[in-house]
Amino acid sequence: MARVYHKRRFRAFAKRIDDDWMDRHRFIIYPIQFQPEAATSVGSPHFVNQIDVIRNIAFSLPADLHLVVKEHRSAIGFNTSSFYREIATLPCVRLVAPDRNIKRLIRKSEGVVALTSTAAFEALLLGKSVWLMGSTPFQCHPLCNNVKSFHELSVGLRQDQTVRPDY
């Protein structure tokens, strides 16, 4: 019953992002990981508190960059209303509905910041930069930036990401 309640409450915090908004703003995506899961607990043990991760990413952003946070489809309703409220009140952060097409978001974005997400792998396949805070089989990809701290993330987000490898 609580999951149904939280699922309904999520809609109150999600912000609509349309093509016009995406064309007018630079943004990166943070896909919330389903927890508990080995990919986060083992692959990214220092970043398991996702509220803290999202907050630190938001405060690491350059002034002209927004953070779009997308909930995992399977996790909707598991997190509390206060979890979503805290995300929604962060500056330059937009919480979007879990049914939003992730590939469309990635194509319009500057890249993805993730713990160990499949969305990060999809971003690499689409030629987008990825800032990875965990251990994955694709961490050696040329567009993948392995970050061990939020300071490294902040520096990485400010660097010129326009140079793409020639495949």
Foldseek 3Di string as FASTA:
>chain_A
DQLVVQLVLLVVLADDDDPVNLVVAAEAEEEDDDPDDCCCVVFQVVCPPPLVVLLLLLVLADPRYAYEYEYAPVCRSVDHSVSSVSQSPRPRYGYHYNVPDLLVVLLSYQAYEYAEDPSNVSSVVVQHAYEYNTDDPCCPRPRYHDDPDSVSVSVVNPDDPPDTDDD
